[in-house]
Amino acid sequence: MLTCGPHVTALAREAGADVLERACPGPDGPATDVDDGALERALAGTGARHVALLPCDPALAPVAERAAAAARRSGQEVVVVPAASAVAGLAALAVHDPDRHAADDVVAMTEAAAGTRTGAVQVAESEALTWAGRCRPGDVLGLADGEVVLIAPDLSVGALWLASRMVAAGGELVTVLLGDGVPGALGERLAAELHRAHPEVDVVVHRGARPGVPVELGVE
């Protein structure tokens, strides 16, 4: 699994993944600092005959596909699971079963990654017109699958509104990743409010949101 930052790296390793940690994307766009050679060496270093590769960033999909193709030419069976975010990658790891047939395991991991809806809470840096209305600097924006769907007065409210909106469309597990500097109490309040409104939904809170993103959400 390709990871960004020590928190997600630790979570992936705890779940049993071999990890290649990369520099986190900057605020100006995704980083593609993982080169083909480094990823090919990481794949070979697993020593595994069958590997499910989780890029966890759409910008890294081409690199992952090239490295997987090179590994297959060397006799290693590598399949790229289309996990487009850290929360999707963690969802795929959660259903991984090393005792299952490799092809069936890849199908299960792919379904878990594809079934994870992603969201993020960010602070607007400039005035702009969004799908949720006009925002001003300092406004809290809730994004679902990359689109602004709400404007909130603060981070705590924005995270709750966004998570509730995403859960309303269905889901059994909400994964919350908090960014650096975001108090842990925010995650605790969010989990408590979601449990109160949706007792059937499990909520897990970790550190590990991308730089510049106070809160990331995954619903599966």
C-alpha atoms as a PDB file:
ATOM      1  CA  MET A   1       0.000   0.000   0.000  1.00  0.00           C
ATOM      2  CA  LEU A   2       1.242   3.485  -0.850  1.00  0.00           C
ATOM      3  CA  THR A   3       0.776   5.709   2.155  1.00  0.00           C
ATOM      4  CA  CYS A   4       1.190   9.349   3.075  1.00  0.00           C
ATOM      5  CA  GLY A   5       2.252  10.323   6.579  1.00  0.00           C
ATOM      6  CA  PRO A   6       3.164   8.326   9.677  1.00  0.00           C
ATOM      7  CA  HIS A   7      -0.369   7.845  11.000  1.00  0.00           C
ATOM      8  CA  VAL A   8      -1.830   6.131   7.925  1.00  0.00           C
ATOM      9  CA  THR A   9       1.433   4.223   7.503  1.00  0.00           C
ATOM     10  CA  ALA A  10       1.069   2.837  11.025  1.00  0.00           C
ATOM     11  CA  LEU A  11      -2.591   1.909  10.444  1.00  0.00           C
ATOM     12  CA  ALA A  12      -1.724   0.087   7.211  1.00  0.00           C
ATOM     13  CA  ARG A  13       1.095  -1.849   8.855  1.00  0.00           C
ATOM     14  CA  GLU A  14      -1.145  -2.781  11.782  1.00  0.00           C
ATOM     15  CA  ALA A  15      -3.590  -4.196   9.213  1.00  0.00           C
ATOM     16  CA  GLY A  16      -0.804  -6.379   7.814  1.00  0.00           C
ATOM     17  CA  ALA A  17       0.154  -4.418   4.696  1.00  0.00           C
ATOM     18  CA  ASP A  18       3.616  -3.953   3.239  1.00  0.00           C
ATOM     19  CA  VAL A  19       3.979  -0.185   2.953  1.00  0.00           C
ATOM     20  CA  LEU A  20       5.830   2.269   0.751  1.00  0.00           C
ATOM     21  CA  GLU A  21       5.531   5.669   2.439  1.00  0.00           C
ATOM     22  CA  ARG A  22       5.646   8.678   0.142  1.00  0.00           C
ATOM     23  CA  ALA A  23       5.781  12.420   0.590  1.00  0.00           C
ATOM     24  CA  CYS A  24       2.337  13.812   1.291  1.00  0.00           C
ATOM     25  CA  PRO A  25       0.652  15.824  -1.462  1.00  0.00           C
ATOM     26  CA  GLY A  26       1.063  19.561  -1.082  1.00  0.00           C
ATOM     27  CA  PRO A  27      -1.771  22.071  -1.040  1.00  0.00           C
ATOM     28  CA  ASP A  28      -1.227  22.918  -4.710  1.00  0.00           C
ATOM     29  CA  GLY A  29      -2.020  19.437  -5.981  1.00  0.00           C
ATOM     30  CA  PRO A  30      -1.190  15.755  -5.798  1.00  0.00           C
ATOM     31  CA  ALA A  31       2.417  14.677  -5.605  1.00  0.00           C
ATOM     32  CA  THR A  32       3.676  11.977  -7.946  1.00  0.00           C
ATOM     33  CA  ASP A  33       7.047  11.545  -6.283  1.00  0.00           C
ATOM     34  CA  VAL A  34       6.954   7.715  -6.312  1.00  0.00           C
ATOM     35  CA  ASP A  35       8.957   6.544  -9.312  1.00  0.00           C
ATOM     36  CA  ASP A  36       8.567   3.257 -11.143  1.00  0.00           C
ATOM     37  CA  GLY A  37      11.855   1.841  -9.860  1.00  0.00           C
ATOM     38  CA  ALA A  38      11.075   2.458  -6.185  1.00  0.00           C
ATOM     39  CA  LEU A  39       7.669   0.849  -6.503  1.00  0.00           C
ATOM     40  CA  GLU A  40       9.043  -2.116  -8.479  1.00  0.00           C
ATOM     41  CA  ARG A  41      11.649  -2.693  -5.758  1.00  0.00           C
ATOM     42  CA  ALA A  42       8.966  -2.467  -3.079  1.00  0.00           C
ATOM     43  CA  LEU A  43       6.835  -5.054  -4.889  1.00  0.00           C
ATOM     44  CA  ALA A  44       9.775  -7.427  -5.240  1.00  0.00           C
ATOM     45  CA  GLY A  45      10.688  -6.819  -1.609  1.00  0.00           C
ATOM     46  CA  THR A  46       7.374  -8.243  -0.397  1.00  0.00           C
ATOM     47  CA  GLY A  47       8.562 -11.708  -1.468  1.00  0.00           C
ATOM     48  CA  ALA A  48       4.941 -12.551  -2.214  1.00  0.00           C
ATOM     49  CA  ARG A  49       3.778 -14.396  -5.296  1.00  0.00           C
ATOM     50  CA  HIS A  50       0.426 -12.558  -5.351  1.00  0.00           C
ATOM     51  CA  VAL A  51       0.231  -8.844  -4.491  1.00  0.00           C
ATOM     52  CA  ALA A  52      -2.731  -6.463  -4.351  1.00  0.00           C
ATOM     53  CA  LEU A  53      -1.321  -2.974  -4.891  1.00  0.00           C
ATOM     54  CA  LEU A  54      -3.219  -0.051  -3.323  1.00  0.00           C
ATOM     55  CA  PRO A  55      -2.092   3.333  -4.759  1.00  0.00           C
ATOM     56  CA  CYS A  56      -4.496   5.380  -2.579  1.00  0.00           C
ATOM     57  CA  ASP A  57      -4.215   8.397  -4.904  1.00  0.00           C
ATOM     58  CA  PRO A  58      -5.583   8.665  -8.465  1.00  0.00           C
ATOM     59  CA  ALA A  59      -2.437  10.569  -9.481  1.00  0.00           C
ATOM     60  CA  LEU A  60      -0.379   7.469  -8.730  1.00  0.00           C
ATOM     61  CA  ALA A  61      -2.537   5.036 -10.711  1.00  0.00           C
ATOM     62  CA  PRO A  62      -0.329   5.215 -13.854  1.00  0.00           C
ATOM     63  CA  VAL A  63       2.837   4.565 -11.821  1.00  0.00           C
ATOM     64  CA  ALA A  64       1.124   1.662 -10.057  1.00  0.00           C
ATOM     65  CA  GLU A  65      -0.014   0.120 -13.352  1.00  0.00           C
ATOM     66  CA  ARG A  66       3.479   0.372 -14.892  1.00  0.00           C
ATOM     67  CA  ALA A  67       5.120  -1.139 -11.816  1.00  0.00           C
ATOM     68  CA  ALA A  68       2.539  -3.938 -11.734  1.00  0.00           C
ATOM     69  CA  ALA A  69       3.157  -4.701 -15.418  1.00  0.00           C
ATOM     70  CA  ALA A  70       6.921  -4.848 -14.834  1.00  0.00           C
ATOM     71  CA  ALA A  71       6.426  -7.164 -11.854  1.00  0.00           C
ATOM     72  CA  ARG A  72       4.223  -9.482 -13.907  1.00  0.00           C
ATOM     73  CA  ARG A  73       6.935  -9.727 -16.553  1.00  0.00           C
ATOM     74  CA  SER A  74       9.227 -10.922 -13.748  1.00  0.00           C
ATOM     75  CA  GLY A  75       6.771 -13.624 -12.737  1.00  0.00           C
ATOM     76  CA  GLN A  76       5.044 -11.903  -9.815  1.00  0.00           C
ATOM     77  CA  GLU A  77       1.249 -11.657  -9.951  1.00  0.00           C
ATOM     78  CA  VAL A  78       0.356  -8.047  -9.140  1.00  0.00           C
ATOM     79  CA  VAL A  79      -3.119  -6.526  -9.406  1.00  0.00           C
ATOM     80  CA  VAL A  80      -3.783  -2.823  -8.856  1.00  0.00           C
ATOM     81  CA  VAL A  81      -6.808  -2.330  -6.616  1.00  0.00           C
ATOM     82  CA  PRO A  82      -8.371   1.038  -7.587  1.00  0.00           C
ATOM     83  CA  ALA A  83      -8.256   2.615  -4.124  1.00  0.00           C
ATOM     84  CA  ALA A  84      -8.315   6.352  -4.740  1.00  0.00           C
ATOM     85  CA  SER A  85      -7.815   7.533  -1.143  1.00  0.00           C
ATOM     86  CA  ALA A  86      -6.350   6.459   2.171  1.00  0.00           C
ATOM     87  CA  VAL A  87      -9.771   5.633   3.594  1.00  0.00           C
ATOM     88  CA  ALA A  88     -10.561   3.480   0.539  1.00  0.00           C
ATOM     89  CA  GLY A  89      -7.236   1.699   0.956  1.00  0.00           C
ATOM     90  CA  LEU A  90      -7.917   1.043   4.632  1.00  0.00           C
ATOM     91  CA  ALA A  91     -11.371  -0.304   3.727  1.00  0.00           C
ATOM     92  CA  ALA A  92      -9.774  -2.705   1.248  1.00  0.00           C
ATOM     93  CA  LEU A  93      -7.268  -3.865   3.873  1.00  0.00           C
ATOM     94  CA  ALA A  94     -10.098  -4.476   6.337  1.00  0.00           C
ATOM     95  CA  VAL A  95     -11.577  -7.227   4.124  1.00  0.00           C
ATOM     96  CA  HIS A  96      -8.243  -8.730   3.061  1.00  0.00           C
ATOM     97  CA  ASP A  97      -8.056 -12.430   3.916  1.00  0.00           C
ATOM     98  CA  PRO A  98      -4.714 -14.154   3.233  1.00  0.00           C
ATOM     99  CA  ASP A  99      -6.417 -17.551   3.485  1.00  0.00           C
ATOM    100  CA  ARG A 100      -8.822 -16.756   0.667  1.00  0.00           C
ATOM    101  CA  HIS A 101      -8.058 -17.554  -2.980  1.00  0.00           C
ATOM    102  CA  ALA A 102      -5.991 -14.655  -4.363  1.00  0.00           C
ATOM    103  CA  ALA A 103      -8.457 -13.783  -7.139  1.00  0.00           C
ATOM    104  CA  ASP A 104     -11.413 -13.817  -4.755  1.00  0.00           C
ATOM    105  CA  ASP A 105      -9.490 -11.695  -2.269  1.00  0.00           C
ATOM    106  CA  VAL A 106      -8.733  -9.071  -4.921  1.00  0.00           C
ATOM    107  CA  VAL A 107     -12.422  -8.960  -5.858  1.00  0.00           C
ATOM    108  CA  ALA A 108     -13.406  -8.415  -2.219  1.00  0.00           C
ATOM    109  CA  MET A 109     -10.788  -5.695  -1.767  1.00  0.00           C
ATOM    110  CA  THR A 110     -11.813  -3.969  -4.992  1.00  0.00           C
ATOM    111  CA  GLU A 111     -15.472  -3.993  -3.983  1.00  0.00           C
ATOM    112  CA  ALA A 112     -14.609  -2.547  -0.560  1.00  0.00           C
ATOM    113  CA  ALA A 113     -12.485   0.229  -2.064  1.00  0.00           C
ATOM    114  CA  ALA A 114     -15.061   1.049  -4.732  1.00  0.00           C
ATOM    115  CA  GLY A 115     -17.857   1.036  -2.169  1.00  0.00           C
ATOM    116  CA  THR A 116     -16.161   3.600   0.070  1.00  0.00           C
ATOM    117  CA  ARG A 117     -17.561   7.090  -0.344  1.00  0.00           C
ATOM    118  CA  THR A 118     -15.117   9.828   0.571  1.00  0.00           C
ATOM    119  CA  GLY A 119     -15.551  13.256   2.063  1.00  0.00           C
ATOM    120  CA  ALA A 120     -13.447  16.059   3.482  1.00  0.00           C
ATOM    121  CA  VAL A 121     -13.922  19.173   5.562  1.00  0.00           C
ATOM    122  CA  GLN A 122     -11.762  22.116   4.539  1.00  0.00           C
ATOM    123  CA  VAL A 123     -11.492  25.822   5.280  1.00  0.00           C
ATOM    124  CA  ALA A 124     -12.056  28.183   2.352  1.00  0.00           C
ATOM    125  CA  GLU A 125      -9.071  30.388   1.549  1.00  0.00           C
ATOM    126  CA  SER A 126     -10.858  32.742  -0.839  1.00  0.00           C
ATOM    127  CA  GLU A 127     -14.306  33.804  -1.937  1.00  0.00           C
ATOM    128  CA  ALA A 128     -15.851  31.473  -4.493  1.00  0.00           C
ATOM    129  CA  LEU A 129     -19.162  30.287  -5.865  1.00  0.00           C
ATOM    130  CA  THR A 130     -19.753  26.624  -5.025  1.00  0.00           C
ATOM    131  CA  TRP A 131     -22.581  24.151  -5.581  1.00  0.00           C
ATOM    132  CA  ALA A 132     -23.642  24.893  -1.995  1.00  0.00           C
ATOM    133  CA  GLY A 133     -23.607  28.664  -2.478  1.00  0.00           C
ATOM    134  CA  ARG A 134     -21.046  31.441  -2.186  1.00  0.00           C
ATOM    135  CA  CYS A 135     -18.273  30.914   0.348  1.00  0.00           C
ATOM    136  CA  ARG A 136     -15.935  33.444   1.906  1.00  0.00           C
ATOM    137  CA  PRO A 137     -12.466  33.081   3.419  1.00  0.00           C
ATOM    138  CA  GLY A 138     -12.693  31.188   6.686  1.00  0.00           C
ATOM    139  CA  ASP A 139     -15.922  29.377   5.824  1.00  0.00           C
ATOM    140  CA  VAL A 140     -15.893  25.627   6.432  1.00  0.00           C
ATOM    141  CA  LEU A 141     -16.653  23.574   3.331  1.00  0.00           C
ATOM    142  CA  GLY A 142     -17.926  20.021   3.287  1.00  0.00           C
ATOM    143  CA  LEU A 143     -16.898  18.075   0.182  1.00  0.00           C
ATOM    144  CA  ALA A 144     -18.308  14.721  -0.871  1.00  0.00           C
ATOM    145  CA  ASP A 145     -16.454  12.923  -3.649  1.00  0.00           C
ATOM    146  CA  GLY A 146     -14.695  16.156  -4.538  1.00  0.00           C
ATOM    147  CA  GLU A 147     -17.759  18.425  -4.748  1.00  0.00           C
ATOM    148  CA  VAL A 148     -18.688  21.109  -2.217  1.00  0.00           C
ATOM    149  CA  VAL A 149     -22.046  20.054  -0.786  1.00  0.00           C
ATOM    150  CA  LEU A 150     -22.346  22.296   2.279  1.00  0.00           C
ATOM    151  CA  ILE A 151     -21.000  25.386   4.015  1.00  0.00           C
ATOM    152  CA  ALA A 152     -20.772  25.267   7.814  1.00  0.00           C
ATOM    153  CA  PRO A 153     -19.900  27.761  10.568  1.00  0.00           C
ATOM    154  CA  ASP A 154     -17.076  25.696  12.088  1.00  0.00           C
ATOM    155  CA  LEU A 155     -15.142  22.436  11.754  1.00  0.00           C
ATOM    156  CA  SER A 156     -17.128  20.482  14.328  1.00  0.00           C
ATOM    157  CA  VAL A 157     -20.481  21.338  12.770  1.00  0.00           C
ATOM    158  CA  GLY A 158     -19.158  20.852   9.240  1.00  0.00           C
ATOM    159  CA  ALA A 159     -17.815  17.386  10.031  1.00  0.00           C
ATOM    160  CA  LEU A 160     -21.106  16.344  11.649  1.00  0.00           C
ATOM    161  CA  TRP A 161     -23.257  17.719   8.838  1.00  0.00           C
ATOM    162  CA  LEU A 162     -21.102  16.070   6.199  1.00  0.00           C
ATOM    163  CA  ALA A 163     -20.917  12.695   7.958  1.00  0.00           C
ATOM    164  CA  SER A 164     -24.687  12.711   8.554  1.00  0.00           C
ATOM    165  CA  ARG A 165     -25.330  13.559   4.924  1.00  0.00           C
ATOM    166  CA  MET A 166     -23.064  10.735   3.751  1.00  0.00           C
ATOM    167  CA  VAL A 167     -24.522   8.175   6.176  1.00  0.00           C
ATOM    168  CA  ALA A 168     -28.052   9.073   5.057  1.00  0.00           C
ATOM    169  CA  ALA A 169     -27.199   7.506   1.690  1.00  0.00           C
ATOM    170  CA  GLY A 170     -26.358   4.233   3.449  1.00  0.00           C
ATOM    171  CA  GLY A 171     -23.369   2.820   5.254  1.00  0.00           C
ATOM    172  CA  GLU A 172     -22.280   0.713   8.200  1.00  0.00           C
ATOM    173  CA  LEU A 173     -18.866   2.175   9.049  1.00  0.00           C
ATOM    174  CA  VAL A 174     -17.581   5.741   9.167  1.00  0.00           C
ATOM    175  CA  THR A 175     -13.818   6.241   9.220  1.00  0.00           C
ATOM    176  CA  VAL A 176     -12.666   9.658  10.413  1.00  0.00           C
ATOM    177  CA  LEU A 177      -9.105  10.880   9.821  1.00  0.00           C
ATOM    178  CA  LEU A 178      -8.124  13.994  11.755  1.00  0.00           C
ATOM    179  CA  GLY A 179      -5.477  16.398  10.522  1.00  0.00           C
ATOM    180  CA  ASP A 180      -2.540  17.793  12.458  1.00  0.00           C
ATOM    181  CA  GLY A 181      -3.632  20.416  14.952  1.00  0.00           C
ATOM    182  CA  VAL A 182      -7.255  19.290  15.029  1.00  0.00           C
ATOM    183  CA  PRO A 183      -8.173  18.490  18.655  1.00  0.00           C
ATOM    184  CA  GLY A 184      -9.033  14.901  19.404  1.00  0.00           C
ATOM    185  CA  ALA A 185     -12.169  16.141  21.159  1.00  0.00           C
ATOM    186  CA  LEU A 186     -13.631  17.002  17.753  1.00  0.00           C
ATOM    187  CA  GLY A 187     -13.415  13.366  16.719  1.00  0.00           C
ATOM    188  CA  GLU A 188     -14.889  12.224  20.021  1.00  0.00           C
ATOM    189  CA  ARG A 189     -17.852  14.593  19.674  1.00  0.00           C
ATOM    190  CA  LEU A 190     -18.399  13.558  16.070  1.00  0.00           C
ATOM    191  CA  ALA A 191     -18.417   9.872  16.993  1.00  0.00           C
ATOM    192  CA  ALA A 192     -20.820  10.467  19.885  1.00  0.00           C
ATOM    193  CA  GLU A 193     -23.251  12.519  17.776  1.00  0.00           C
ATOM    194  CA  LEU A 194     -23.225   9.965  14.961  1.00  0.00           C
ATOM    195  CA  HIS A 195     -23.817   7.105  17.415  1.00  0.00           C
ATOM    196  CA  ARG A 196     -26.735   9.035  18.888  1.00  0.00           C
ATOM    197  CA  ALA A 197     -28.361   9.715  15.511  1.00  0.00           C
ATOM    198  CA  HIS A 198     -27.337   6.450  13.804  1.00  0.00           C
ATOM    199  CA  PRO A 199     -26.821   3.737  16.460  1.00  0.00           C
ATOM    200  CA  GLU A 200     -26.440   1.110  13.744  1.00  0.00           C
ATOM    201  CA  VAL A 201     -23.300   2.779  12.368  1.00  0.00           C
ATOM    202  CA  ASP A 202     -19.795   2.109  13.699  1.00  0.00           C
ATOM    203  CA  VAL A 203     -17.400   5.055  13.866  1.00  0.00           C
ATOM    204  CA  VAL A 204     -13.604   4.859  14.096  1.00  0.00           C
ATOM    205  CA  VAL A 205     -11.407   7.921  14.538  1.00  0.00           C
ATOM    206  CA  HIS A 206      -7.699   8.114  13.721  1.00  0.00           C
ATOM    207  CA  ARG A 207      -5.073  10.706  12.886  1.00  0.00           C
ATOM    208  CA  GLY A 208      -3.838  10.843   9.315  1.00  0.00           C
ATOM    209  CA  ALA A 209      -5.746  13.367   7.180  1.00  0.00           C
ATOM    210  CA  ARG A 210      -3.779  14.888   4.317  1.00  0.00           C
ATOM    211  CA  PRO A 211      -1.855  18.120   4.967  1.00  0.00           C
ATOM    212  CA  GLY A 212      -4.184  21.089   4.770  1.00  0.00           C
ATOM    213  CA  VAL A 213      -7.280  18.947   5.289  1.00  0.00           C
ATOM    214  CA  PRO A 214      -8.619  19.126   8.864  1.00  0.00           C
ATOM    215  CA  VAL A 215     -10.959  16.135   8.548  1.00  0.00           C
ATOM    216  CA  GLU A 216     -11.308  13.288   6.043  1.00  0.00           C
ATOM    217  CA  LEU A 217     -14.236  10.881   6.035  1.00  0.00           C
ATOM    218  CA  GLY A 218     -14.868   7.484   4.533  1.00  0.00           C
ATOM    219  CA  VAL A 219     -18.262   5.765   4.595  1.00  0.00           C
ATOM    220  CA  GLU A 220     -18.682   2.127   3.646  1.00  0.00           C
END
